Amino acid sequence: MNSRAKLIASLGAVVLMLLVFVWQHFMNAGLTIRLTEAKLEDVNQRYEEINASVEAYDAVKARFDETVTQIRSLETRVPNRTGFIEAMNFIRNTANQQGVNLFTIVPDLNDAWPNIKSNLITTSLHIEKFPISLAFEGDYLTIGYFLEALRDGPFEFNIGRLELTSELGSEATLNAKCMLFAYMLVDNNG
């Protein structure tokens, strides 16, 4: 083989190697670009999720502040711990005013209904529901007026159960047992 053929073969090999090197470099760069674009798309998606969560946080915070305002507006009808005695006195006074003989009034303040204190995590400002057992007697209309006066009074009460019984031989007098639910505003912040 003469030197000219060797030179052409060498130049051809160099050009071929150069083409392989350039092709491999661009293929590798293309793969790197595709991977970088995929990562950039993932980062953009995460950014949009974070941005959406910030917007969602603002909406949740606004709803929370509105709920706190609404709970604070209930302070006139839902007593706090110190005003709960006033609610019990209201029940006694209403019974006297309506002519109902109130035998017992037993609030269960050990735990809320449902069992909020041990089953649910609450915020520092929340409303708890307490059962109060009442036993009383009176005639049918008197009992009705008594229950209406409790419902329309300055405090929030719900009647859970009402049992009316009459003893043999005692006309117009009914014995009643009632489960009354009272609400208490609890603010652990003070």
Protein backbone atom coordinates (compact mmCIF):
# COMPACT_ATOMS: atom_id res chain seq x y z
CA MET A 1 0.00 0.00 0.00
CA ASN A 2 1.38 3.28 -0.96
CA SER A 3 1.61 6.31 1.25
CA ARG A 4 -1.23 8.08 -0.48
CA ALA A 5 -3.67 5.25 0.24
CA LYS A 6 -2.43 5.15 3.81
CA LEU A 7 -3.02 8.88 4.14
CA ILE A 8 -6.56 8.60 2.72
CA ALA A 9 -7.30 5.61 4.97
CA SER A 10 -5.93 7.52 7.96
CA LEU A 11 -7.92 10.63 7.08
CA GLY A 12 -11.03 8.49 6.54
CA ALA A 13 -10.50 6.81 9.93
CA VAL A 14 -10.01 10.21 11.61
CA VAL A 15 -13.13 11.63 9.94
CA LEU A 16 -15.07 8.51 10.84
CA MET A 17 -13.87 8.70 14.43
CA LEU A 18 -14.66 12.41 14.48
CA LEU A 19 -18.16 11.71 13.17
CA VAL A 20 -18.67 8.96 15.76
CA PHE A 21 -17.39 11.29 18.48
CA VAL A 22 -19.65 14.17 17.37
CA TRP A 23 -22.66 11.85 16.92
CA GLN A 24 -22.10 10.28 20.35
CA HIS A 25 -21.62 13.70 21.94
CA PHE A 26 -24.87 15.05 20.46
CA MET A 27 -26.76 11.85 21.29
CA ASN A 28 -25.50 12.02 24.84
CA ALA A 29 -26.25 15.75 24.99
CA GLY A 30 -29.73 15.10 23.59
CA LEU A 31 -30.34 12.50 26.26
CA THR A 32 -29.07 14.90 28.92
CA ILE A 33 -31.29 17.66 27.56
CA ARG A 34 -34.33 15.36 27.63
CA LEU A 35 -33.55 14.34 31.23
CA THR A 36 -33.04 17.98 32.22
CA GLU A 37 -36.32 18.97 30.56
CA ALA A 38 -38.13 16.18 32.47
CA LYS A 39 -36.60 17.38 35.74
CA LEU A 40 -37.55 20.97 34.89
CA GLU A 41 -41.13 19.87 34.19
CA ASP A 42 -41.22 18.05 37.55
CA VAL A 43 -39.86 21.14 39.33
CA ASN A 44 -42.47 23.33 37.59
CA GLN A 45 -45.22 20.94 38.64
CA ARG A 46 -43.99 20.99 42.26
CA TYR A 47 -43.84 24.77 42.13
CA GLU A 48 -47.47 24.90 40.97
CA GLU A 49 -48.48 22.51 43.78
CA ILE A 50 -46.68 24.65 46.36
CA ASN A 51 -48.22 27.79 44.92
CA ALA A 52 -51.68 26.17 45.04
CA SER A 53 -51.15 25.08 48.64
CA VAL A 54 -50.18 28.62 49.60
CA GLU A 55 -53.40 29.86 47.99
CA ALA A 56 -55.33 27.08 49.73
CA TYR A 57 -53.71 28.03 53.03
CA ASP A 58 -54.89 31.61 52.62
CA ALA A 59 -58.45 30.40 51.94
CA VAL A 60 -58.37 27.99 54.90
CA LYS A 61 -56.96 30.72 57.17
CA ALA A 62 -59.73 33.11 56.09
CA ARG A 63 -62.39 30.43 56.76
CA PHE A 64 -60.80 29.69 60.15
CA ASP A 65 -60.82 33.37 61.11
CA GLU A 66 -64.47 33.62 60.01
CA THR A 67 -65.34 30.52 62.08
CA VAL A 68 -63.62 31.98 65.14
CA THR A 69 -65.61 35.17 64.64
CA GLN A 70 -68.83 33.16 64.39
CA ILE A 71 -67.96 31.19 67.55
CA ARG A 72 -67.16 34.44 69.35
CA SER A 73 -70.59 35.74 68.30
CA LEU A 74 -72.15 32.78 70.14
CA GLU A 75 -70.79 33.99 73.48
CA THR A 76 -74.14 35.61 74.27
CA ARG A 77 -76.03 32.29 73.96
CA VAL A 78 -73.33 29.79 74.85
CA PRO A 79 -71.80 30.36 78.28
CA ASN A 80 -68.17 29.86 79.11
CA ARG A 81 -67.04 27.89 82.16
CA THR A 82 -67.83 30.70 84.57
CA GLY A 83 -71.22 31.44 82.98
CA PHE A 84 -72.36 27.82 83.03
CA ILE A 85 -73.67 28.24 86.59
CA GLU A 86 -75.89 31.03 85.27
CA ALA A 87 -77.33 28.58 82.74
CA MET A 88 -78.14 26.10 85.53
CA ASN A 89 -79.73 28.90 87.57
CA PHE A 90 -81.76 29.85 84.50
CA ILE A 91 -83.16 26.30 84.35
CA ARG A 92 -84.11 26.44 88.06
CA ASN A 93 -85.68 29.91 87.76
CA THR A 94 -87.61 28.94 84.63
CA ALA A 95 -88.98 25.87 86.39
CA ASN A 96 -90.16 28.07 89.28
CA GLN A 97 -91.70 30.64 86.93
CA GLN A 98 -93.56 27.99 84.93
CA GLY A 99 -94.84 26.14 88.02
CA VAL A 100 -92.82 23.00 87.38
CA ASN A 101 -91.59 21.09 90.41
CA LEU A 102 -87.93 20.43 89.58
CA PHE A 103 -86.70 17.39 91.53
CA THR A 104 -83.19 17.04 90.21
CA ILE A 105 -80.84 18.78 87.85
CA VAL A 106 -77.63 16.84 87.27
CA PRO A 107 -75.11 18.24 84.79
CA ASP A 108 -72.41 15.83 83.69
CA LEU A 109 -69.39 18.09 83.40
CA ASN A 110 -66.78 15.33 83.58
CA ASP A 111 -66.77 14.88 79.88
CA ALA A 112 -68.47 16.36 76.86
CA TRP A 113 -70.97 14.63 74.65
CA PRO A 114 -69.67 13.16 72.40
CA ASN A 115 -66.49 12.37 74.24
CA ILE A 116 -64.60 15.32 72.76
CA LYS A 117 -61.88 15.59 75.35
CA SER A 118 -60.47 12.11 74.89
CA ASN A 119 -61.46 11.26 71.30
CA LEU A 120 -61.03 14.44 69.30
CA ILE A 121 -58.27 16.97 68.96
CA THR A 122 -59.80 20.40 69.32
CA THR A 123 -58.57 23.90 68.85
CA SER A 124 -58.09 26.12 71.86
CA LEU A 125 -61.49 27.72 71.10
CA HIS A 126 -64.33 25.25 70.71
CA ILE A 127 -67.84 24.45 71.89
CA GLU A 128 -68.51 21.40 74.03
CA LYS A 129 -71.88 19.73 74.52
CA PHE A 130 -72.78 18.53 78.02
CA PRO A 131 -75.73 16.35 79.04
CA ILE A 132 -77.92 17.50 81.92
CA SER A 133 -80.42 15.08 83.48
CA LEU A 134 -83.61 16.69 84.71
CA ALA A 135 -86.42 15.11 86.71
CA PHE A 136 -89.55 17.21 87.29
CA GLU A 137 -93.32 17.10 87.49
CA GLY A 138 -96.18 19.26 86.38
CA ASP A 139 -99.26 19.16 84.21
CA TYR A 140 -99.01 18.73 80.46
CA LEU A 141 -99.24 22.45 79.55
CA THR A 142 -96.89 23.51 82.34
CA ILE A 143 -94.26 21.07 81.15
CA GLY A 144 -94.71 22.31 77.57
CA TYR A 145 -94.36 25.96 78.64
CA PHE A 146 -91.28 25.06 80.69
CA LEU A 147 -89.59 23.37 77.72
CA GLU A 148 -90.51 26.26 75.41
CA ALA A 149 -89.07 28.76 77.89
CA LEU A 150 -85.82 26.78 77.98
CA ARG A 151 -85.70 26.70 74.18
CA ASP A 152 -86.44 30.42 73.80
CA GLY A 153 -84.26 31.55 76.71
CA PRO A 154 -80.90 33.28 76.56
CA PHE A 155 -78.92 30.00 76.50
CA GLU A 156 -78.61 27.23 73.88
CA PHE A 157 -80.29 24.02 75.04
CA ASN A 158 -81.44 20.96 73.08
CA ILE A 159 -83.74 18.30 74.40
CA GLY A 160 -82.34 14.83 73.80
CA ARG A 161 -84.88 12.57 75.47
CA LEU A 162 -88.15 13.28 77.17
CA GLU A 163 -90.10 10.71 79.17
CA LEU A 164 -93.56 11.51 80.49
CA THR A 165 -95.30 9.18 82.92
CA SER A 166 -98.26 9.50 85.21
CA GLU A 167 -98.94 7.68 88.42
CA LEU A 168 -102.22 5.88 88.91
CA GLY A 169 -104.75 8.01 90.70
CA SER A 170 -102.98 11.33 90.19
CA GLU A 171 -104.80 13.19 87.47
CA ALA A 172 -103.19 16.08 85.60
CA THR A 173 -99.75 15.54 87.17
CA LEU A 174 -97.06 14.08 84.99
CA ASN A 175 -93.65 12.92 86.06
CA ALA A 176 -91.02 13.85 83.50
CA LYS A 177 -87.43 12.90 82.89
CA CYS A 178 -85.48 14.84 80.36
CA MET A 179 -81.96 14.75 78.93
CA LEU A 180 -81.10 18.33 78.16
CA PHE A 181 -77.96 19.16 76.22
CA ALA A 182 -76.21 22.38 77.17
CA TYR A 183 -73.35 23.98 75.31
CA MET A 184 -70.26 25.56 76.81
CA LEU A 185 -67.77 27.78 75.05
CA VAL A 186 -64.24 26.70 75.94
CA ASP A 187 -61.33 29.03 75.30
CA ASN A 188 -58.07 27.48 76.53
CA ASN A 189 -56.18 30.65 75.66
CA GLY A 190 -57.91 32.59 78.38
